[in-house]
Amino acid sequence: MTNKIAVSVKTTYMADQTLPLQRYVYAYTITIANQGDERAQLISRHWLIRDANDNLQEVQGIGVVGEQPLIVPGESYTYTSGVVLETETGIMEGSYQLRADSGSTFDADIPAFALVPPHAIH
C-alpha cells in the first residue's frame, strides 16, 4: 500500500451556539481521500486541541462520528463534528489510524487548522 491519504478541513464558527466569555463553538468538516492503491478502514482518531490560553484537550477514540468507514482507492469520506473552546480562538491537529486490506496499520496526519471566528480575521 502506498498509504496515500489526504485530509482536508473546513471550519465553521457556530455563533448561534456560542456564549461569549463562556464557550465558543465550532463545527469542522473533514474529508479523507484515499489516493493510494488499496482500501483503507479508519480505525481510530487522536486529536490535540489547544485554546488561546494554551489549555490542551487530548481526544482519542474509535472511529469518527460513530463510524469506521472503509475508503476505497479514488474515493473519499466526509463527516462533520464539533468542538467547544473556552477561548474565542484555538488550533486543532491530530491523526487517524487506518488499516489497509493487507492488514498493515498506519497513521494519516491531520494538518493543524485554526479555529477563528470571521470577525477576528483581519
N, C-alpha and C. Protein backbone atom coordinates (compact mmCIF):
# COMPACT_ATOMS: atom_id res chain seq x y z
N MET A 1 0.85 -1.20 0.00
CA MET A 1 0.00 0.00 0.00
C MET A 1 0.88 1.23 0.00
N THR A 2 0.46 2.22 -0.72
CA THR A 2 1.20 3.48 -0.77
C THR A 2 0.80 4.41 0.38
N ASN A 3 -0.26 4.07 1.10
CA ASN A 3 -0.72 4.84 2.26
C ASN A 3 -0.91 6.32 1.95
N LYS A 4 -1.43 6.61 0.79
CA LYS A 4 -1.65 7.99 0.39
C LYS A 4 -3.06 8.42 0.79
N ILE A 5 -3.15 9.00 1.98
CA ILE A 5 -4.40 9.51 2.50
C ILE A 5 -4.27 11.02 2.63
N ALA A 6 -5.17 11.76 1.99
CA ALA A 6 -5.16 13.22 2.08
C ALA A 6 -6.32 13.67 2.95
N VAL A 7 -6.03 14.55 3.89
CA VAL A 7 -7.05 15.04 4.82
C VAL A 7 -7.22 16.54 4.61
N SER A 8 -8.45 16.98 4.35
CA SER A 8 -8.73 18.41 4.24
C SER A 8 -9.81 18.80 5.23
N VAL A 9 -9.80 20.07 5.65
CA VAL A 9 -10.67 20.54 6.71
C VAL A 9 -11.32 21.87 6.33
N LYS A 10 -12.59 22.01 6.70
CA LYS A 10 -13.30 23.28 6.59
C LYS A 10 -13.95 23.54 7.95
N THR A 11 -13.72 24.73 8.50
CA THR A 11 -14.28 25.06 9.81
C THR A 11 -15.41 26.08 9.68
N THR A 12 -16.33 26.03 10.64
CA THR A 12 -17.45 26.97 10.70
C THR A 12 -17.63 27.42 12.14
N TYR A 13 -17.63 28.73 12.36
CA TYR A 13 -17.90 29.30 13.67
C TYR A 13 -19.40 29.26 13.90
N MET A 14 -19.82 28.68 15.01
CA MET A 14 -21.24 28.50 15.31
C MET A 14 -21.70 29.60 16.27
N ALA A 15 -21.91 30.80 15.72
CA ALA A 15 -22.27 31.96 16.55
C ALA A 15 -23.55 31.71 17.35
N ASP A 16 -24.51 30.98 16.78
CA ASP A 16 -25.78 30.75 17.47
C ASP A 16 -25.65 29.83 18.68
N GLN A 17 -24.55 29.08 18.78
CA GLN A 17 -24.34 28.19 19.92
C GLN A 17 -23.26 28.71 20.88
N THR A 18 -22.64 29.82 20.50
CA THR A 18 -21.56 30.40 21.29
C THR A 18 -22.13 31.32 22.37
N LEU A 19 -21.55 31.25 23.56
CA LEU A 19 -21.87 32.16 24.65
C LEU A 19 -20.59 32.91 24.98
N PRO A 20 -20.40 34.13 24.45
CA PRO A 20 -19.14 34.85 24.66
C PRO A 20 -18.72 34.89 26.12
N LEU A 21 -17.42 34.74 26.32
CA LEU A 21 -16.77 34.68 27.63
C LEU A 21 -17.06 33.38 28.38
N GLN A 22 -17.83 32.47 27.78
CA GLN A 22 -18.12 31.18 28.42
C GLN A 22 -17.68 30.02 27.54
N ARG A 23 -18.21 29.98 26.31
CA ARG A 23 -17.87 28.89 25.41
C ARG A 23 -17.98 29.37 23.96
N TYR A 24 -17.10 28.83 23.14
CA TYR A 24 -17.04 29.17 21.73
C TYR A 24 -17.14 27.86 20.96
N VAL A 25 -18.10 27.79 20.06
CA VAL A 25 -18.43 26.53 19.40
C VAL A 25 -18.06 26.60 17.92
N TYR A 26 -17.41 25.55 17.46
CA TYR A 26 -17.03 25.42 16.06
C TYR A 26 -17.47 24.07 15.54
N ALA A 27 -17.86 24.05 14.28
CA ALA A 27 -18.05 22.80 13.55
C ALA A 27 -16.87 22.67 12.60
N TYR A 28 -16.48 21.43 12.33
CA TYR A 28 -15.45 21.21 11.33
C TYR A 28 -15.87 20.04 10.46
N THR A 29 -15.64 20.21 9.17
CA THR A 29 -15.96 19.17 8.20
C THR A 29 -14.66 18.64 7.64
N ILE A 30 -14.47 17.35 7.78
CA ILE A 30 -13.24 16.68 7.36
C ILE A 30 -13.54 15.82 6.14
N THR A 31 -12.67 15.88 5.15
CA THR A 31 -12.72 14.97 4.01
C THR A 31 -11.43 14.17 4.00
N ILE A 32 -11.59 12.85 3.99
CA ILE A 32 -10.46 11.92 3.99
C ILE A 32 -10.47 11.22 2.64
N ALA A 33 -9.47 11.50 1.82
CA ALA A 33 -9.42 10.96 0.46
C ALA A 33 -8.34 9.88 0.37
N ASN A 34 -8.71 8.74 -0.18
CA ASN A 34 -7.77 7.64 -0.38
C ASN A 34 -7.15 7.79 -1.77
N GLN A 35 -5.91 8.24 -1.79
CA GLN A 35 -5.18 8.43 -3.05
C GLN A 35 -4.19 7.28 -3.27
N GLY A 36 -4.35 6.23 -2.46
CA GLY A 36 -3.47 5.07 -2.57
C GLY A 36 -4.03 4.03 -3.51
N ASP A 37 -3.51 2.82 -3.40
CA ASP A 37 -3.92 1.74 -4.31
C ASP A 37 -4.56 0.58 -3.57
N GLU A 38 -4.94 0.79 -2.32
CA GLU A 38 -5.54 -0.26 -1.51
C GLU A 38 -6.63 0.34 -0.63
N ARG A 39 -7.69 -0.41 -0.36
CA ARG A 39 -8.73 0.07 0.55
C ARG A 39 -8.13 0.29 1.93
N ALA A 40 -8.69 1.28 2.64
CA ALA A 40 -8.22 1.58 3.99
C ALA A 40 -9.42 1.86 4.88
N GLN A 41 -9.43 1.24 6.05
CA GLN A 41 -10.51 1.47 7.01
C GLN A 41 -10.00 2.35 8.14
N LEU A 42 -10.76 3.40 8.42
CA LEU A 42 -10.43 4.28 9.53
C LEU A 42 -10.79 3.56 10.83
N ILE A 43 -9.79 3.37 11.67
CA ILE A 43 -9.99 2.62 12.92
C ILE A 43 -10.23 3.56 14.10
N SER A 44 -9.38 4.59 14.22
CA SER A 44 -9.49 5.48 15.38
C SER A 44 -8.94 6.86 15.05
N ARG A 45 -9.15 7.77 16.00
CA ARG A 45 -8.70 9.15 15.84
C ARG A 45 -7.95 9.60 17.08
N HIS A 46 -7.08 10.59 16.90
CA HIS A 46 -6.34 11.20 18.00
C HIS A 46 -6.24 12.69 17.72
N TRP A 47 -6.85 13.50 18.58
CA TRP A 47 -6.86 14.95 18.41
C TRP A 47 -6.09 15.64 19.52
N LEU A 48 -5.42 16.73 19.16
CA LEU A 48 -4.84 17.67 20.12
C LEU A 48 -5.51 19.01 19.84
N ILE A 49 -6.21 19.54 20.84
CA ILE A 49 -6.98 20.77 20.69
C ILE A 49 -6.45 21.76 21.72
N ARG A 50 -5.97 22.91 21.23
CA ARG A 50 -5.36 23.90 22.12
C ARG A 50 -6.10 25.22 21.97
N ASP A 51 -6.49 25.82 23.11
CA ASP A 51 -7.16 27.11 23.05
C ASP A 51 -6.15 28.24 23.20
N ALA A 52 -6.63 29.48 23.18
CA ALA A 52 -5.75 30.65 23.22
C ALA A 52 -5.04 30.80 24.57
N ASN A 53 -5.51 30.14 25.61
CA ASN A 53 -4.85 30.16 26.91
C ASN A 53 -3.86 29.02 27.06
N ASP A 54 -3.61 28.31 25.96
CA ASP A 54 -2.67 27.18 25.90
C ASP A 54 -3.16 25.96 26.68
N ASN A 55 -4.49 25.90 26.94
CA ASN A 55 -5.07 24.71 27.55
C ASN A 55 -5.19 23.63 26.48
N LEU A 56 -4.76 22.43 26.80
CA LEU A 56 -4.75 21.34 25.83
C LEU A 56 -5.81 20.31 26.18
N GLN A 57 -6.62 19.96 25.17
CA GLN A 57 -7.54 18.82 25.28
C GLN A 57 -7.00 17.74 24.36
N GLU A 58 -6.89 16.53 24.87
CA GLU A 58 -6.48 15.41 24.04
C GLU A 58 -7.65 14.46 23.94
N VAL A 59 -8.03 14.12 22.71
CA VAL A 59 -9.19 13.27 22.47
C VAL A 59 -8.75 12.07 21.64
N GLN A 60 -9.04 10.88 22.16
CA GLN A 60 -8.77 9.65 21.41
C GLN A 60 -10.03 8.81 21.42
N GLY A 61 -10.27 8.10 20.33
CA GLY A 61 -11.46 7.26 20.30
C GLY A 61 -11.53 6.40 19.06
N ILE A 62 -12.47 5.51 19.10
CA ILE A 62 -12.69 4.58 17.99
C ILE A 62 -13.49 5.30 16.91
N GLY A 63 -13.04 5.21 15.68
CA GLY A 63 -13.77 5.75 14.54
C GLY A 63 -14.00 7.24 14.61
N VAL A 64 -14.95 7.70 13.79
CA VAL A 64 -15.38 9.10 13.77
C VAL A 64 -16.89 9.13 13.65
N VAL A 65 -17.53 9.98 14.38
CA VAL A 65 -19.00 10.11 14.42
C VAL A 65 -19.71 8.75 14.41
N GLY A 66 -19.19 7.84 15.21
CA GLY A 66 -19.81 6.52 15.35
C GLY A 66 -19.55 5.56 14.21
N GLU A 67 -18.66 5.90 13.30
CA GLU A 67 -18.40 5.04 12.15
C GLU A 67 -16.91 4.72 12.02
N GLN A 68 -16.64 3.61 11.35
CA GLN A 68 -15.28 3.22 10.97
C GLN A 68 -15.31 2.97 9.46
N PRO A 69 -15.32 4.06 8.69
CA PRO A 69 -15.55 3.91 7.25
C PRO A 69 -14.41 3.19 6.53
N LEU A 70 -14.80 2.45 5.50
CA LEU A 70 -13.85 1.80 4.59
C LEU A 70 -13.78 2.68 3.35
N ILE A 71 -12.59 3.18 3.05
CA ILE A 71 -12.42 4.13 1.95
C ILE A 71 -11.63 3.45 0.84
N VAL A 72 -12.28 3.31 -0.30
CA VAL A 72 -11.64 2.62 -1.43
C VAL A 72 -10.77 3.61 -2.21
N PRO A 73 -9.78 3.09 -2.94
CA PRO A 73 -8.91 3.97 -3.73
C PRO A 73 -9.73 4.87 -4.66
N GLY A 74 -9.36 6.14 -4.70
CA GLY A 74 -10.05 7.10 -5.55
C GLY A 74 -11.31 7.69 -4.95
N GLU A 75 -11.71 7.21 -3.77
CA GLU A 75 -12.91 7.70 -3.11
C GLU A 75 -12.53 8.50 -1.87
N SER A 76 -13.53 9.16 -1.29
CA SER A 76 -13.29 9.91 -0.06
C SER A 76 -14.47 9.73 0.89
N TYR A 77 -14.23 10.10 2.13
CA TYR A 77 -15.25 10.04 3.18
C TYR A 77 -15.27 11.41 3.85
N THR A 78 -16.47 11.97 4.00
CA THR A 78 -16.61 13.29 4.62
C THR A 78 -17.54 13.20 5.82
N TYR A 79 -17.17 13.87 6.90
CA TYR A 79 -18.04 13.94 8.08
C TYR A 79 -17.88 15.30 8.74
N THR A 80 -18.87 15.64 9.57
CA THR A 80 -18.84 16.91 10.31
C THR A 80 -18.97 16.60 11.79
N SER A 81 -18.15 17.28 12.58
CA SER A 81 -18.19 17.15 14.03
C SER A 81 -18.02 18.54 14.62
N GLY A 82 -17.83 18.63 15.92
CA GLY A 82 -17.70 19.93 16.56
C GLY A 82 -16.78 19.93 17.75
N VAL A 83 -16.45 21.14 18.17
CA VAL A 83 -15.58 21.32 19.33
C VAL A 83 -16.01 22.59 20.06
N VAL A 84 -15.84 22.57 21.38
CA VAL A 84 -16.16 23.72 22.22
C VAL A 84 -14.86 24.17 22.88
N LEU A 85 -14.58 25.46 22.77
CA LEU A 85 -13.40 26.04 23.40
C LEU A 85 -13.82 27.02 24.49
N GLU A 86 -12.91 27.26 25.44
CA GLU A 86 -13.16 28.26 26.47
C GLU A 86 -12.71 29.64 26.00
N THR A 87 -11.94 29.70 24.93
CA THR A 87 -11.47 30.97 24.38
C THR A 87 -12.01 31.11 22.96
N GLU A 88 -11.94 32.34 22.43
CA GLU A 88 -12.52 32.61 21.12
C GLU A 88 -11.78 31.90 19.98
N THR A 89 -10.50 31.68 20.16
CA THR A 89 -9.70 31.04 19.10
C THR A 89 -8.96 29.83 19.64
N GLY A 90 -8.54 28.99 18.70
CA GLY A 90 -7.78 27.81 19.08
C GLY A 90 -7.20 27.15 17.84
N ILE A 91 -6.58 26.00 18.07
CA ILE A 91 -5.99 25.25 16.97
C ILE A 91 -6.19 23.76 17.24
N MET A 92 -6.40 23.00 16.17
CA MET A 92 -6.56 21.55 16.27
C MET A 92 -5.60 20.87 15.30
N GLU A 93 -5.15 19.70 15.69
CA GLU A 93 -4.37 18.84 14.81
C GLU A 93 -4.47 17.43 15.35
N GLY A 94 -4.01 16.46 14.58
CA GLY A 94 -4.09 15.09 15.07
C GLY A 94 -3.74 14.08 14.01
N SER A 95 -4.32 12.89 14.18
CA SER A 95 -4.07 11.82 13.21
C SER A 95 -5.20 10.82 13.26
N TYR A 96 -5.35 10.12 12.14
CA TYR A 96 -6.25 8.98 12.06
C TYR A 96 -5.40 7.73 11.95
N GLN A 97 -5.86 6.66 12.57
CA GLN A 97 -5.21 5.37 12.42
C GLN A 97 -6.07 4.55 11.46
N LEU A 98 -5.43 4.01 10.44
CA LEU A 98 -6.14 3.26 9.42
C LEU A 98 -5.54 1.88 9.26
N ARG A 99 -6.35 0.95 8.73
CA ARG A 99 -5.88 -0.40 8.45
C ARG A 99 -6.12 -0.68 6.97
N ALA A 100 -5.04 -1.06 6.28
CA ALA A 100 -5.13 -1.41 4.86
C ALA A 100 -5.67 -2.83 4.72
N ASP A 101 -6.18 -3.15 3.53
CA ASP A 101 -6.66 -4.51 3.27
C ASP A 101 -5.59 -5.55 3.55
N SER A 102 -4.33 -5.19 3.36
CA SER A 102 -3.23 -6.13 3.59
C SER A 102 -3.04 -6.43 5.07
N GLY A 103 -3.72 -5.66 5.94
CA GLY A 103 -3.62 -5.88 7.37
C GLY A 103 -2.68 -4.91 8.07
N SER A 104 -1.87 -4.19 7.31
CA SER A 104 -0.96 -3.23 7.93
C SER A 104 -1.75 -2.02 8.44
N THR A 105 -1.28 -1.44 9.53
CA THR A 105 -1.90 -0.23 10.06
C THR A 105 -0.93 0.93 9.86
N PHE A 106 -1.50 2.11 9.70
CA PHE A 106 -0.68 3.30 9.50
C PHE A 106 -1.46 4.53 9.96
N ASP A 107 -0.74 5.62 10.18
CA ASP A 107 -1.34 6.88 10.59
C ASP A 107 -1.44 7.83 9.42
N ALA A 108 -2.50 8.60 9.39
CA ALA A 108 -2.65 9.70 8.44
C ALA A 108 -2.74 10.98 9.26
N ASP A 109 -1.82 11.89 9.04
CA ASP A 109 -1.79 13.14 9.79
C ASP A 109 -2.95 14.04 9.40
N ILE A 110 -3.50 14.71 10.41
CA ILE A 110 -4.49 15.76 10.20
C ILE A 110 -3.72 17.07 10.40
N PRO A 111 -3.51 17.83 9.33
CA PRO A 111 -2.72 19.05 9.47
C PRO A 111 -3.38 20.03 10.43
N ALA A 112 -2.56 20.81 11.14
CA ALA A 112 -3.09 21.80 12.08
C ALA A 112 -4.00 22.78 11.35
N PHE A 113 -5.11 23.13 11.99
CA PHE A 113 -6.00 24.15 11.43
C PHE A 113 -6.50 25.04 12.55
N ALA A 114 -6.72 26.30 12.21
CA ALA A 114 -7.12 27.31 13.19
C ALA A 114 -8.63 27.34 13.35
N LEU A 115 -9.05 27.63 14.56
CA LEU A 115 -10.45 27.87 14.90
C LEU A 115 -10.55 29.36 15.23
N VAL A 116 -11.08 30.14 14.28
CA VAL A 116 -11.11 31.59 14.41
C VAL A 116 -12.44 32.09 13.87
N PRO A 117 -13.16 32.91 14.66
CA PRO A 117 -14.43 33.43 14.14
C PRO A 117 -14.18 34.46 13.03
N PRO A 118 -15.11 34.60 12.11
CA PRO A 118 -14.91 35.50 10.97
C PRO A 118 -14.55 36.94 11.37
N HIS A 119 -15.13 37.44 12.47
CA HIS A 119 -14.87 38.83 12.86
C HIS A 119 -13.45 39.03 13.38
N ALA A 120 -12.74 37.96 13.69
CA ALA A 120 -11.37 38.07 14.23
C ALA A 120 -10.30 37.99 13.16
N ILE A 121 -10.72 37.75 11.91
CA ILE A 121 -9.76 37.65 10.82
C ILE A 121 -9.57 39.04 10.22
N HIS A 122 -8.32 39.47 10.17
CA HIS A 122 -8.02 40.82 9.65
C HIS A 122 -7.59 40.76 8.21
